[in-house]
């Protein structure tokens, strides 16, 4: 994934995954649309997984994604959070954590569209 991000001029800061999702902190190039970068990241990583392991031939990413900007001063905190995903999700599911995040930051959402 870091290589894919580099190829679209959006260098990775940190990437970490758990079985049901990936967190990627990267620098978004000023001339790149976020949706285009995420689409390329999903497309390229899906292709790589399928080629690397034939048992993943039917792998696909979910339709949506969530993206948030991070201030420079918050980068160390976000990096620490991303690096501890496996430990963190032993205590709280991704779905519960995401709902809590949206509520804490007063981001409106419709439950029907969260887990397509």
PDB file of N, CA and C in Angstrom:
ATOM      1  N   UNK A   1       0.823  -1.191   0.000  1.00  0.00           N
ATOM      2  CA  UNK A   1       0.000   0.000   0.000  1.00  0.00           C
ATOM      3  C   UNK A   1       0.867   1.254   0.000  1.00  0.00           C
ATOM      4  N   UNK A   2       1.988   1.194   0.716  1.00  0.00           N
ATOM      5  CA  UNK A   2       2.898   2.345   0.724  1.00  0.00           C
ATOM      6  C   UNK A   2       3.414   2.633  -0.679  1.00  0.00           C
ATOM      7  N   UNK A   3       3.713   1.580  -1.429  1.00  0.00           N
ATOM      8  CA  UNK A   3       4.176   1.754  -2.801  1.00  0.00           C
ATOM      9  C   UNK A   3       3.114   2.366  -3.696  1.00  0.00           C
ATOM     10  N   UNK A   4       1.884   1.959  -3.510  1.00  0.00           N
ATOM     11  CA  UNK A   4       0.778   2.512  -4.289  1.00  0.00           C
ATOM     12  C   UNK A   4       0.622   3.998  -3.973  1.00  0.00           C
ATOM     13  N   UNK A   5       0.660   4.337  -2.691  1.00  0.00           N
ATOM     14  CA  UNK A   5       0.541   5.743  -2.300  1.00  0.00           C
ATOM     15  C   UNK A   5       1.693   6.566  -2.869  1.00  0.00           C
ATOM     16  N   UNK A   6       2.884   6.022  -2.821  1.00  0.00           N
ATOM     17  CA  UNK A   6       4.053   6.721  -3.382  1.00  0.00           C
ATOM     18  C   UNK A   6       3.869   6.966  -4.874  1.00  0.00           C
ATOM     19  N   UNK A   7       3.294   5.987  -5.573  1.00  0.00           N
ATOM     20  CA  UNK A   7       3.122   6.118  -7.018  1.00  0.00           C
ATOM     21  C   UNK A   7       2.120   7.200  -7.402  1.00  0.00           C
ATOM     22  N   UNK A   8       1.276   7.617  -6.475  1.00  0.00           N
ATOM     23  CA  UNK A   8       0.321   8.693  -6.741  1.00  0.00           C
ATOM     24  C   UNK A   8       0.692   9.962  -5.977  1.00  0.00           C
ATOM     25  N   UNK A   9       1.985  10.070  -5.631  1.00  0.00           N
ATOM     26  CA  UNK A   9       2.528  11.275  -4.988  1.00  0.00           C
ATOM     27  C   UNK A   9       1.900  11.585  -3.636  1.00  0.00           C
ATOM     28  N   UNK A  10       1.532  10.542  -2.897  1.00  0.00           N
ATOM     29  CA  UNK A  10       0.930  10.699  -1.576  1.00  0.00           C
ATOM     30  C   UNK A  10       1.668   9.790  -0.587  1.00  0.00           C
ATOM     31  N   UNK A  11       2.873  10.165  -0.179  1.00  0.00           N
ATOM     32  CA  UNK A  11       3.682   9.258   0.641  1.00  0.00           C
ATOM     33  C   UNK A  11       3.007   8.873   1.957  1.00  0.00           C
ATOM     34  N   UNK A  12       3.160   7.598   2.292  1.00  0.00           N
ATOM     35  CA  UNK A  12       2.592   7.063   3.528  1.00  0.00           C
ATOM     36  C   UNK A  12       3.400   7.526   4.726  1.00  0.00           C
ATOM     37  N   UNK A  13       2.708   7.784   5.819  1.00  0.00           N
ATOM     38  CA  UNK A  13       3.333   8.038   7.111  1.00  0.00           C
ATOM     39  C   UNK A  13       3.336   6.730   7.899  1.00  0.00           C
ATOM     40  N   UNK A  14       2.168   6.079   7.962  1.00  0.00           N
ATOM     41  CA  UNK A  14       2.033   4.772   8.608  1.00  0.00           C
ATOM     42  C   UNK A  14       0.795   4.084   8.049  1.00  0.00           C
ATOM     43  N   UNK A  15       0.891   2.772   7.908  1.00  0.00           N
ATOM     44  CA  UNK A  15      -0.236   1.949   7.460  1.00  0.00           C
ATOM     45  C   UNK A  15      -0.263   0.735   8.377  1.00  0.00           C
ATOM     46  N   UNK A  16      -1.446   0.379   8.838  1.00  0.00           N
ATOM     47  CA  UNK A  16      -1.589  -0.817   9.663  1.00  0.00           C
ATOM     48  C   UNK A  16      -2.971  -1.399   9.407  1.00  0.00           C
ATOM     49  N   UNK A  17      -3.045  -2.721   9.446  1.00  0.00           N
ATOM     50  CA  UNK A  17      -4.326  -3.374   9.193  1.00  0.00           C
ATOM     51  C   UNK A  17      -4.629  -4.391  10.272  1.00  0.00           C
ATOM     52  N   UNK A  18      -5.906  -4.641  10.423  1.00  0.00           N
ATOM     53  CA  UNK A  18      -6.439  -5.733  11.224  1.00  0.00           C
ATOM     54  C   UNK A  18      -7.357  -6.502  10.270  1.00  0.00           C
ATOM     55  N   UNK A  19      -7.903  -7.642  10.666  1.00  0.00           N
ATOM     56  CA  UNK A  19      -8.652  -8.453   9.699  1.00  0.00           C
ATOM     57  C   UNK A  19      -9.799  -7.749   8.972  1.00  0.00           C
ATOM     58  N   UNK A  20     -10.425  -6.738   9.577  1.00  0.00           N
ATOM     59  CA  UNK A  20     -11.587  -6.155   8.909  1.00  0.00           C
ATOM     60  C   UNK A  20     -11.428  -4.716   8.430  1.00  0.00           C
ATOM     61  N   UNK A  21     -10.249  -4.111   8.577  1.00  0.00           N
ATOM     62  CA  UNK A  21     -10.050  -2.768   8.041  1.00  0.00           C
ATOM     63  C   UNK A  21      -8.580  -2.358   8.077  1.00  0.00           C
ATOM     64  N   UNK A  22      -8.305  -1.271   7.377  1.00  0.00           N
ATOM     65  CA  UNK A  22      -6.954  -0.721   7.291  1.00  0.00           C
ATOM     66  C   UNK A  22      -7.002   0.748   7.681  1.00  0.00           C
ATOM     67  N   UNK A  23      -5.980   1.184   8.399  1.00  0.00           N
ATOM     68  CA  UNK A  23      -5.777   2.607   8.646  1.00  0.00           C
ATOM     69  C   UNK A  23      -4.543   3.019   7.874  1.00  0.00           C
ATOM     70  N   UNK A  24      -4.634   4.105   7.136  1.00  0.00           N
ATOM     71  CA  UNK A  24      -3.494   4.626   6.391  1.00  0.00           C
ATOM     72  C   UNK A  24      -3.410   6.129   6.624  1.00  0.00           C
ATOM     73  N   UNK A  25      -2.310   6.559   7.172  1.00  0.00           N
ATOM     74  CA  UNK A  25      -2.045   7.987   7.336  1.00  0.00           C
ATOM     75  C   UNK A  25      -1.045   8.354   6.254  1.00  0.00           C
ATOM     76  N   UNK A  26      -1.427   9.298   5.407  1.00  0.00           N
ATOM     77  CA  UNK A  26      -0.549   9.679   4.297  1.00  0.00           C
ATOM     78  C   UNK A  26      -0.718  11.161   3.989  1.00  0.00           C
ATOM     79  N   UNK A  27       0.266  11.684   3.285  1.00  0.00           N
ATOM     80  CA  UNK A  27       0.228  13.076   2.837  1.00  0.00           C
ATOM     81  C   UNK A  27      -0.545  13.131   1.526  1.00  0.00           C
ATOM     82  N   UNK A  28      -1.642  13.846   1.508  1.00  0.00           N
ATOM     83  CA  UNK A  28      -2.435  13.988   0.289  1.00  0.00           C
ATOM     84  C   UNK A  28      -1.846  15.111  -0.549  1.00  0.00           C
ATOM     85  N   UNK A  29      -1.393  14.768  -1.736  1.00  0.00           N
ATOM     86  CA  UNK A  29      -0.827  15.764  -2.649  1.00  0.00           C
ATOM     87  C   UNK A  29      -1.896  16.784  -2.999  1.00  0.00           C
ATOM     88  N   UNK A  30      -1.503  18.029  -3.091  1.00  0.00           N
ATOM     89  CA  UNK A  30      -2.475  19.108  -3.320  1.00  0.00           C
ATOM     90  C   UNK A  30      -3.204  18.992  -4.656  1.00  0.00           C
ATOM     91  N   UNK A  31      -2.661  18.246  -5.587  1.00  0.00           N
ATOM     92  CA  UNK A  31      -3.305  18.087  -6.895  1.00  0.00           C
ATOM     93  C   UNK A  31      -4.007  16.745  -7.047  1.00  0.00           C
ATOM     94  N   UNK A  32      -4.177  16.042  -5.967  1.00  0.00           N
ATOM     95  CA  UNK A  32      -4.839  14.735  -6.012  1.00  0.00           C
ATOM     96  C   UNK A  32      -6.180  14.808  -5.285  1.00  0.00           C
ATOM     97  N   UNK A  33      -7.187  14.239  -5.879  1.00  0.00           N
ATOM     98  CA  UNK A  33      -8.489  14.134  -5.223  1.00  0.00           C
ATOM     99  C   UNK A  33      -8.459  12.926  -4.296  1.00  0.00           C
ATOM    100  N   UNK A  34      -8.946  13.102  -3.090  1.00  0.00           N
ATOM    101  CA  UNK A  34      -8.945  12.016  -2.111  1.00  0.00           C
ATOM    102  C   UNK A  34      -9.634  10.767  -2.662  1.00  0.00           C
ATOM    103  N   UNK A  35     -10.792  10.929  -3.276  1.00  0.00           N
ATOM    104  CA  UNK A  35     -11.527   9.770  -3.807  1.00  0.00           C
ATOM    105  C   UNK A  35     -10.694   9.016  -4.836  1.00  0.00           C
ATOM    106  N   UNK A  36      -9.946   9.723  -5.644  1.00  0.00           N
ATOM    107  CA  UNK A  36      -9.098   9.091  -6.646  1.00  0.00           C
ATOM    108  C   UNK A  36      -7.955   8.315  -5.984  1.00  0.00           C
ATOM    109  N   UNK A  37      -7.334   8.896  -4.974  1.00  0.00           N
ATOM    110  CA  UNK A  37      -6.245   8.221  -4.267  1.00  0.00           C
ATOM    111  C   UNK A  37      -6.762   6.969  -3.566  1.00  0.00           C
ATOM    112  N   UNK A  38      -7.879   7.071  -2.872  1.00  0.00           N
ATOM    113  CA  UNK A  38      -8.441   5.909  -2.177  1.00  0.00           C
ATOM    114  C   UNK A  38      -8.840   4.840  -3.189  1.00  0.00           C
ATOM    115  N   UNK A  39      -9.432   5.247  -4.300  1.00  0.00           N
ATOM    116  CA  UNK A  39      -9.798   4.281  -5.338  1.00  0.00           C
ATOM    117  C   UNK A  39      -8.577   3.541  -5.859  1.00  0.00           C
ATOM    118  N   UNK A  40      -7.505   4.266  -6.102  1.00  0.00           N
ATOM    119  CA  UNK A  40      -6.269   3.630  -6.589  1.00  0.00           C
ATOM    120  C   UNK A  40      -5.675   2.709  -5.531  1.00  0.00           C
ATOM    121  N   UNK A  41      -5.731   3.124  -4.284  1.00  0.00           N
ATOM    122  CA  UNK A  41      -5.212   2.313  -3.182  1.00  0.00           C
ATOM    123  C   UNK A  41      -6.012   1.006  -3.050  1.00  0.00           C
ATOM    124  N   UNK A  42      -7.326   1.105  -3.119  1.00  0.00           N
ATOM    125  CA  UNK A  42      -8.163  -0.088  -3.013  1.00  0.00           C
ATOM    126  C   UNK A  42      -7.972  -0.997  -4.224  1.00  0.00           C
ATOM    127  N   UNK A  43      -7.946  -0.417  -5.411  1.00  0.00           N
ATOM    128  CA  UNK A  43      -7.789  -1.183  -6.641  1.00  0.00           C
ATOM    129  C   UNK A  43      -6.430  -1.897  -6.674  1.00  0.00           C
ATOM    130  N   UNK A  44      -5.380  -1.154  -6.402  1.00  0.00           N
ATOM    131  CA  UNK A  44      -4.039  -1.731  -6.460  1.00  0.00           C
ATOM    132  C   UNK A  44      -3.779  -2.774  -5.394  1.00  0.00           C
ATOM    133  N   UNK A  45      -4.250  -2.525  -4.185  1.00  0.00           N
ATOM    134  CA  UNK A  45      -4.018  -3.493  -3.104  1.00  0.00           C
ATOM    135  C   UNK A  45      -4.858  -4.752  -3.309  1.00  0.00           C
ATOM    136  N   UNK A  46      -6.058  -4.597  -3.835  1.00  0.00           N
ATOM    137  CA  UNK A  46      -6.900  -5.760  -4.130  1.00  0.00           C
ATOM    138  C   UNK A  46      -6.228  -6.634  -5.186  1.00  0.00           C
ATOM    139  N   UNK A  47      -5.725  -5.996  -6.227  1.00  0.00           N
ATOM    140  CA  UNK A  47      -5.025  -6.734  -7.294  1.00  0.00           C
ATOM    141  C   UNK A  47      -3.815  -7.466  -6.720  1.00  0.00           C
ATOM    142  N   UNK A  48      -3.038  -6.796  -5.890  1.00  0.00           N
ATOM    143  CA  UNK A  48      -1.837  -7.401  -5.303  1.00  0.00           C
ATOM    144  C   UNK A  48      -2.206  -8.606  -4.433  1.00  0.00           C
ATOM    145  N   UNK A  49      -3.237  -8.453  -3.578  1.00  0.00           N
ATOM    146  CA  UNK A  49      -3.652  -9.563  -2.717  1.00  0.00           C
ATOM    147  C   UNK A  49      -4.067 -10.783  -3.531  1.00  0.00           C
ATOM    148  N   UNK A  50      -4.833 -10.561  -4.582  1.00  0.00           N
ATOM    149  CA  UNK A  50      -5.318 -11.660  -5.411  1.00  0.00           C
ATOM    150  C   UNK A  50      -4.181 -12.374  -6.133  1.00  0.00           C
ATOM    151  N   UNK A  51      -3.171 -11.615  -6.544  1.00  0.00           N
ATOM    152  CA  UNK A  51      -2.016 -12.218  -7.208  1.00  0.00           C
ATOM    153  C   UNK A  51      -1.097 -12.932  -6.217  1.00  0.00           C
ATOM    154  N   UNK A  52      -0.996 -12.399  -5.007  1.00  0.00           N
ATOM    155  CA  UNK A  52      -0.099 -12.961  -3.992  1.00  0.00           C
ATOM    156  C   UNK A  52      -0.637 -14.247  -3.379  1.00  0.00           C
ATOM    157  N   UNK A  53      -1.959 -14.384  -3.324  1.00  0.00           N
ATOM    158  CA  UNK A  53      -2.556 -15.546  -2.659  1.00  0.00           C
ATOM    159  C   UNK A  53      -3.835 -15.936  -3.400  1.00  0.00           C
ATOM    160  N   UNK A  54      -3.789 -17.039  -4.097  1.00  0.00           N
ATOM    161  CA  UNK A  54      -4.938 -17.477  -4.891  1.00  0.00           C
ATOM    162  C   UNK A  54      -6.184 -17.721  -4.051  1.00  0.00           C
ATOM    163  N   UNK A  55      -6.021 -17.994  -2.757  1.00  0.00           N
ATOM    164  CA  UNK A  55      -7.196 -18.195  -1.902  1.00  0.00           C
ATOM    165  C   UNK A  55      -7.957 -16.882  -1.689  1.00  0.00           C
ATOM    166  N   UNK A  56      -7.368 -15.764  -2.076  1.00  0.00           N
ATOM    167  CA  UNK A  56      -8.026 -14.457  -1.942  1.00  0.00           C
ATOM    168  C   UNK A  56      -8.614 -13.976  -3.272  1.00  0.00           C
ATOM    169  N   UNK A  57      -8.828 -14.890  -4.188  1.00  0.00           N
ATOM    170  CA  UNK A  57      -9.303 -14.534  -5.531  1.00  0.00           C
ATOM    171  C   UNK A  57     -10.626 -13.770  -5.517  1.00  0.00           C
ATOM    172  N   UNK A  58     -11.440 -13.965  -4.497  1.00  0.00           N
ATOM    173  CA  UNK A  58     -12.736 -13.265  -4.440  1.00  0.00           C
ATOM    174  C   UNK A  58     -12.700 -12.044  -3.513  1.00  0.00           C
ATOM    175  N   UNK A  59     -11.510 -11.691  -3.030  1.00  0.00           N
ATOM    176  CA  UNK A  59     -11.401 -10.548  -2.123  1.00  0.00           C
ATOM    177  C   UNK A  59     -11.885  -9.268  -2.802  1.00  0.00           C
ATOM    178  N   UNK A  60     -12.561  -8.436  -2.029  1.00  0.00           N
ATOM    179  CA  UNK A  60     -12.911  -7.084  -2.478  1.00  0.00           C
ATOM    180  C   UNK A  60     -13.082  -6.192  -1.259  1.00  0.00           C
ATOM    181  N   UNK A  61     -12.792  -4.927  -1.450  1.00  0.00           N
ATOM    182  CA  UNK A  61     -12.983  -3.952  -0.378  1.00  0.00           C
ATOM    183  C   UNK A  61     -14.455  -3.576  -0.309  1.00  0.00           C
ATOM    184  N   UNK A  62     -14.877  -3.092   0.849  1.00  0.00           N
ATOM    185  CA  UNK A  62     -16.238  -2.567   0.950  1.00  0.00           C
ATOM    186  C   UNK A  62     -16.370  -1.362   0.026  1.00  0.00           C
ATOM    187  N   UNK A  63     -17.584  -0.941  -0.246  1.00  0.00           N
ATOM    188  CA  UNK A  63     -17.812   0.164  -1.174  1.00  0.00           C
ATOM    189  C   UNK A  63     -17.285   1.501  -0.665  1.00  0.00           C
ATOM    190  N   UNK A  64     -17.476   1.795   0.598  1.00  0.00           N
ATOM    191  CA  UNK A  64     -17.137   3.110   1.101  1.00  0.00           C
ATOM    192  C   UNK A  64     -15.799   3.180   1.802  1.00  0.00           C
ATOM    193  N   UNK A  65     -15.552   4.328   2.380  1.00  0.00           N
ATOM    194  CA  UNK A  65     -14.370   4.546   3.200  1.00  0.00           C
ATOM    195  C   UNK A  65     -14.623   5.790   4.048  1.00  0.00           C
ATOM    196  N   UNK A  66     -13.822   5.966   5.060  1.00  0.00           N
ATOM    197  CA  UNK A  66     -13.877   7.183   5.868  1.00  0.00           C
ATOM    198  C   UNK A  66     -12.519   7.845   5.787  1.00  0.00           C
ATOM    199  N   UNK A  67     -12.508   9.160   5.710  1.00  0.00           N
ATOM    200  CA  UNK A  67     -11.252   9.900   5.637  1.00  0.00           C
ATOM    201  C   UNK A  67     -11.373  11.151   6.496  1.00  0.00           C
ATOM    202  N   UNK A  68     -10.303  11.439   7.213  1.00  0.00           N
ATOM    203  CA  UNK A  68     -10.285  12.593   8.096  1.00  0.00           C
ATOM    204  C   UNK A  68      -8.940  13.285   7.971  1.00  0.00           C
ATOM    205  N   UNK A  69      -8.944  14.600   7.993  1.00  0.00           N
ATOM    206  CA  UNK A  69      -7.682  15.328   7.984  1.00  0.00           C
ATOM    207  C   UNK A  69      -7.107  15.344   9.392  1.00  0.00           C
ATOM    208  N   UNK A  70      -5.803  15.469   9.472  1.00  0.00           N
ATOM    209  CA  UNK A  70      -5.093  15.439  10.755  1.00  0.00           C
ATOM    210  C   UNK A  70      -4.137  16.622  10.787  1.00  0.00           C
ATOM    211  N   UNK A  71      -4.163  17.389  11.847  1.00  0.00           N
ATOM    212  CA  UNK A  71      -3.221  18.497  11.964  1.00  0.00           C
ATOM    213  C   UNK A  71      -1.816  17.949  12.197  1.00  0.00           C
ATOM    214  N   UNK A  72      -0.831  18.730  11.814  1.00  0.00           N
ATOM    215  CA  UNK A  72       0.557  18.302  11.979  1.00  0.00           C
ATOM    216  C   UNK A  72       0.857  17.948  13.436  1.00  0.00           C
ATOM    217  N   UNK A  73       0.308  18.704  14.363  1.00  0.00           N
ATOM    218  CA  UNK A  73       0.577  18.454  15.784  1.00  0.00           C
ATOM    219  C   UNK A  73      -0.038  17.147  16.277  1.00  0.00           C
ATOM    220  N   UNK A  74      -1.043  16.637  15.576  1.00  0.00           N
ATOM    221  CA  UNK A  74      -1.704  15.390  15.984  1.00  0.00           C
ATOM    222  C   UNK A  74      -1.075  14.149  15.369  1.00  0.00           C
ATOM    223  N   UNK A  75      -0.147  14.309  14.449  1.00  0.00           N
ATOM    224  CA  UNK A  75       0.437  13.160  13.755  1.00  0.00           C
ATOM    225  C   UNK A  75       1.026  12.132  14.721  1.00  0.00           C
ATOM    226  N   UNK A  76       1.813  12.513  15.738  1.00  0.00           N
ATOM    227  CA  UNK A  76       2.347  11.487  16.642  1.00  0.00           C
ATOM    228  C   UNK A  76       1.251  10.680  17.349  1.00  0.00           C
ATOM    229  N   UNK A  77       0.180  11.328  17.751  1.00  0.00           N
ATOM    230  CA  UNK A  77      -0.927  10.640  18.411  1.00  0.00           C
ATOM    231  C   UNK A  77      -1.618   9.683  17.441  1.00  0.00           C
ATOM    232  N   UNK A  78      -1.848  10.131  16.222  1.00  0.00           N
ATOM    233  CA  UNK A  78      -2.510   9.290  15.225  1.00  0.00           C
ATOM    234  C   UNK A  78      -1.619   8.106  14.852  1.00  0.00           C
ATOM    235  N   UNK A  79      -0.321   8.331  14.723  1.00  0.00           N
ATOM    236  CA  UNK A  79       0.605   7.231  14.430  1.00  0.00           C
ATOM    237  C   UNK A  79       0.554   6.176  15.535  1.00  0.00           C
ATOM    238  N   UNK A  80       0.556   6.628  16.795  1.00  0.00           N
ATOM    239  CA  UNK A  80       0.494   5.680  17.915  1.00  0.00           C
ATOM    240  C   UNK A  80      -0.821   4.900  17.882  1.00  0.00           C
ATOM    241  N   UNK A  81      -1.908   5.581  17.591  1.00  0.00           N
ATOM    242  CA  UNK A  81      -3.216   4.936  17.500  1.00  0.00           C
ATOM    243  C   UNK A  81      -3.218   3.881  16.392  1.00  0.00           C
ATOM    244  N   UNK A  82      -2.717   4.232  15.229  1.00  0.00           N
ATOM    245  CA  UNK A  82      -2.700   3.298  14.105  1.00  0.00           C
ATOM    246  C   UNK A  82      -1.809   2.096  14.406  1.00  0.00           C
ATOM    247  N   UNK A  83      -0.688   2.319  15.039  1.00  0.00           N
ATOM    248  CA  UNK A  83       0.232   1.205  15.303  1.00  0.00           C
ATOM    249  C   UNK A  83      -0.317   0.216  16.330  1.00  0.00           C
ATOM    250  N   UNK A  84      -1.298   0.624  17.136  1.00  0.00           N
ATOM    251  CA  UNK A  84      -1.830  -0.255  18.186  1.00  0.00           C
ATOM    252  C   UNK A  84      -3.211  -0.813  17.866  1.00  0.00           C
ATOM    253  N   UNK A  85      -3.553  -0.917  16.582  1.00  0.00           N
ATOM    254  CA  UNK A  85      -4.889  -1.365  16.187  1.00  0.00           C
ATOM    255  C   UNK A  85      -5.268  -2.740  16.722  1.00  0.00           C
ATOM    256  N   UNK A  86      -4.397  -3.710  16.611  1.00  0.00           N
ATOM    257  CA  UNK A  86      -4.750  -5.077  17.039  1.00  0.00           C
ATOM    258  C   UNK A  86      -5.088  -5.096  18.521  1.00  0.00           C
ATOM    259  N   UNK A  87      -4.261  -4.465  19.323  1.00  0.00           N
ATOM    260  CA  UNK A  87      -4.510  -4.403  20.767  1.00  0.00           C
ATOM    261  C   UNK A  87      -5.795  -3.637  21.064  1.00  0.00           C
ATOM    262  N   UNK A  88      -5.962  -2.527  20.389  1.00  0.00           N
ATOM    263  CA  UNK A  88      -7.124  -1.669  20.615  1.00  0.00           C
ATOM    264  C   UNK A  88      -8.432  -2.405  20.316  1.00  0.00           C
ATOM    265  N   UNK A  89      -8.472  -3.150  19.215  1.00  0.00           N
ATOM    266  CA  UNK A  89      -9.720  -3.802  18.816  1.00  0.00           C
ATOM    267  C   UNK A  89      -9.987  -5.100  19.571  1.00  0.00           C
ATOM    268  N   UNK A  90      -9.102  -5.503  20.409  1.00  0.00           N
ATOM    269  CA  UNK A  90      -9.427  -6.603  21.323  1.00  0.00           C
ATOM    270  C   UNK A  90     -10.396  -6.105  22.397  1.00  0.00           C
ATOM    271  N   UNK A  91     -10.383  -4.799  22.664  1.00  0.00           N
ATOM    272  CA  UNK A  91     -11.256  -4.216  23.688  1.00  0.00           C
ATOM    273  C   UNK A  91     -12.540  -3.618  23.118  1.00  0.00           C
ATOM    274  N   UNK A  92     -12.485  -3.131  21.887  1.00  0.00           N
ATOM    275  CA  UNK A  92     -13.639  -2.449  21.304  1.00  0.00           C
ATOM    276  C   UNK A  92     -13.679  -2.733  19.810  1.00  0.00           C
ATOM    277  N   UNK A  93     -14.842  -3.138  19.313  1.00  0.00           N
ATOM    278  CA  UNK A  93     -14.949  -3.469  17.892  1.00  0.00           C
ATOM    279  C   UNK A  93     -14.771  -2.215  17.042  1.00  0.00           C
ATOM    280  N   UNK A  94     -14.379  -2.436  15.803  1.00  0.00           N
ATOM    281  CA  UNK A  94     -14.238  -1.329  14.863  1.00  0.00           C
ATOM    282  C   UNK A  94     -15.551  -0.565  14.724  1.00  0.00           C
ATOM    283  N   UNK A  95     -16.655  -1.292  14.589  1.00  0.00           N
ATOM    284  CA  UNK A  95     -17.953  -0.640  14.407  1.00  0.00           C
ATOM    285  C   UNK A  95     -18.305   0.240  15.608  1.00  0.00           C
ATOM    286  N   UNK A  96     -18.122  -0.286  16.825  1.00  0.00           N
ATOM    287  CA  UNK A  96     -18.425   0.498  18.026  1.00  0.00           C
ATOM    288  C   UNK A  96     -17.516   1.709  18.138  1.00  0.00           C
ATOM    289  N   UNK A  97     -16.248   1.519  17.820  1.00  0.00           N
ATOM    290  CA  UNK A  97     -15.310   2.637  17.892  1.00  0.00           C
ATOM    291  C   UNK A  97     -15.654   3.714  16.868  1.00  0.00           C
ATOM    292  N   UNK A  98     -16.014   3.309  15.665  1.00  0.00           N
ATOM    293  CA  UNK A  98     -16.331   4.278  14.623  1.00  0.00           C
ATOM    294  C   UNK A  98     -17.574   5.083  14.982  1.00  0.00           C
ATOM    295  N   UNK A  99     -18.604   4.400  15.484  1.00  0.00           N
ATOM    296  CA  UNK A  99     -19.806   5.117  15.935  1.00  0.00           C
ATOM    297  C   UNK A  99     -19.452   6.125  17.022  1.00  0.00           C
ATOM    298  N   UNK A 100     -18.650   5.707  17.995  1.00  0.00           N
ATOM    299  CA  UNK A 100     -18.238   6.600  19.093  1.00  0.00           C
ATOM    300  C   UNK A 100     -17.492   7.813  18.566  1.00  0.00           C
ATOM    301  N   UNK A 101     -16.615   7.580  17.576  1.00  0.00           N
ATOM    302  CA  UNK A 101     -15.851   8.668  16.966  1.00  0.00           C
ATOM    303  C   UNK A 101     -16.789   9.678  16.314  1.00  0.00           C
ATOM    304  N   UNK A 102     -17.749   9.184  15.536  1.00  0.00           N
ATOM    305  CA  UNK A 102     -18.690  10.075  14.865  1.00  0.00           C
ATOM    306  C   UNK A 102     -19.501  10.884  15.869  1.00  0.00           C
ATOM    307  N   UNK A 103     -19.945  10.253  16.919  1.00  0.00           N
ATOM    308  CA  UNK A 103     -20.725  10.946  17.948  1.00  0.00           C
ATOM    309  C   UNK A 103     -19.867  11.973  18.671  1.00  0.00           C
ATOM    310  N   UNK A 104     -18.660  11.579  19.082  1.00  0.00           N
ATOM    311  CA  UNK A 104     -17.761  12.475  19.825  1.00  0.00           C
ATOM    312  C   UNK A 104     -17.440  13.736  19.029  1.00  0.00           C
ATOM    313  N   UNK A 105     -17.299  13.595  17.715  1.00  0.00           N
ATOM    314  CA  UNK A 105     -16.946  14.735  16.873  1.00  0.00           C
ATOM    315  C   UNK A 105     -18.157  15.363  16.187  1.00  0.00           C
ATOM    316  N   UNK A 106     -19.361  14.939  16.614  1.00  0.00           N
ATOM    317  CA  UNK A 106     -20.620  15.491  16.119  1.00  0.00           C
ATOM    318  C   UNK A 106     -20.721  15.426  14.599  1.00  0.00           C
ATOM    319  N   UNK A 107     -20.349  14.272  14.055  1.00  0.00           N
ATOM    320  CA  UNK A 107     -20.444  14.035  12.617  1.00  0.00           C
ATOM    321  C   UNK A 107     -21.731  13.258  12.370  1.00  0.00           C
ATOM    322  N   UNK A 108     -22.677  13.859  11.652  1.00  0.00           N
ATOM    323  CA  UNK A 108     -23.945  13.158  11.414  1.00  0.00           C
ATOM    324  C   UNK A 108     -23.735  11.913  10.554  1.00  0.00           C
ATOM    325  N   UNK A 109     -24.506  10.890  10.834  1.00  0.00           N
ATOM    326  CA  UNK A 109     -24.423   9.657  10.054  1.00  0.00           C
ATOM    327  C   UNK A 109     -25.755   8.941  10.085  1.00  0.00           C
ATOM    328  N   UNK A 110     -25.938   8.081   9.119  1.00  0.00           N
ATOM    329  CA  UNK A 110     -27.123   7.242   9.038  1.00  0.00           C
ATOM    330  C   UNK A 110     -26.654   5.800   9.150  1.00  0.00           C
ATOM    331  N   UNK A 111     -27.084   5.123  10.174  1.00  0.00           N
ATOM    332  CA  UNK A 111     -26.663   3.746  10.457  1.00  0.00           C
ATOM    333  C   UNK A 111     -26.844   2.829   9.241  1.00  0.00           C
ATOM    334  N   UNK A 112     -27.866   3.086   8.427  1.00  0.00           N
ATOM    335  CA  UNK A 112     -28.138   2.234   7.266  1.00  0.00           C
ATOM    336  C   UNK A 112     -26.989   2.222   6.263  1.00  0.00           C
ATOM    337  N   UNK A 113     -26.181   3.285   6.254  1.00  0.00           N
ATOM    338  CA  UNK A 113     -25.142   3.412   5.239  1.00  0.00           C
ATOM    339  C   UNK A 113     -23.737   3.131   5.757  1.00  0.00           C
ATOM    340  N   UNK A 114     -23.604   2.806   7.032  1.00  0.00           N
ATOM    341  CA  UNK A 114     -22.267   2.608   7.586  1.00  0.00           C
ATOM    342  C   UNK A 114     -21.623   1.307   7.145  1.00  0.00           C
ATOM    343  N   UNK A 115     -22.367   0.251   7.026  1.00  0.00           N
ATOM    344  CA  UNK A 115     -21.738  -1.061   6.840  1.00  0.00           C
ATOM    345  C   UNK A 115     -22.178  -1.759   5.570  1.00  0.00           C
ATOM    346  N   UNK A 116     -22.345  -1.032   4.489  1.00  0.00           N
ATOM    347  CA  UNK A 116     -22.721  -1.650   3.199  1.00  0.00           C
ATOM    348  C   UNK A 116     -21.672  -2.618   2.739  1.00  0.00           C
TER     349      UNK A 116
END
